[in-house]
Protein backbone atom coordinates (compact mmCIF):
# COMPACT_ATOMS: atom_id res chain seq x y z
CA UNK A 1 -94.47 195.51 -76.70
CA UNK A 2 -97.14 197.56 -75.07
CA UNK A 3 -95.66 200.61 -76.73
CA UNK A 4 -96.02 199.12 -80.22
CA UNK A 5 -99.58 198.26 -79.55
CA UNK A 6 -100.62 201.81 -78.32
CA UNK A 7 -98.48 203.31 -81.34
CA UNK A 8 -100.51 201.05 -83.43
CA UNK A 9 -103.88 201.93 -82.12
CA UNK A 10 -102.99 205.76 -82.49
CA UNK A 11 -102.27 205.09 -86.09
CA UNK A 12 -105.47 203.39 -86.72
CA UNK A 13 -107.18 206.32 -84.96
CA UNK A 14 -105.28 209.33 -86.58
CA UNK A 15 -104.31 207.88 -89.93
CA UNK A 16 -106.77 205.29 -90.97
CA UNK A 17 -109.73 207.34 -89.09
CA UNK A 18 -111.41 204.22 -87.98
CA UNK A 19 -114.60 204.20 -85.75
CA UNK A 20 -114.20 204.16 -81.99
CA UNK A 21 -115.81 200.70 -82.13
CA UNK A 22 -113.32 199.21 -84.74
CA UNK A 23 -110.51 200.66 -82.51
CA UNK A 24 -111.92 199.03 -79.47
CA UNK A 25 -112.21 195.66 -81.33
CA UNK A 26 -108.72 195.89 -82.60
CA UNK A 27 -107.28 196.87 -79.19
CA UNK A 28 -109.05 194.10 -77.51
CA UNK A 29 -108.16 191.47 -80.10
CA UNK A 30 -104.44 192.49 -80.05
CA UNK A 31 -104.21 192.56 -76.25
CA UNK A 32 -105.75 188.93 -76.11
CA UNK A 33 -102.98 187.89 -78.77
CA UNK A 34 -100.24 189.44 -76.86
CA UNK A 35 -101.29 187.77 -73.72
CA UNK A 36 -101.19 184.64 -75.75
CA UNK A 37 -97.64 185.01 -76.71
């Protein structure tokens, strides 16, 4: 599952061109969600 998360974060950075703060927020939220699962 971690590979999918890293791939998604890379896509947000490269294809969506999100700001570093947005990427950090997405990453933190998704990691907490995956820990919950």
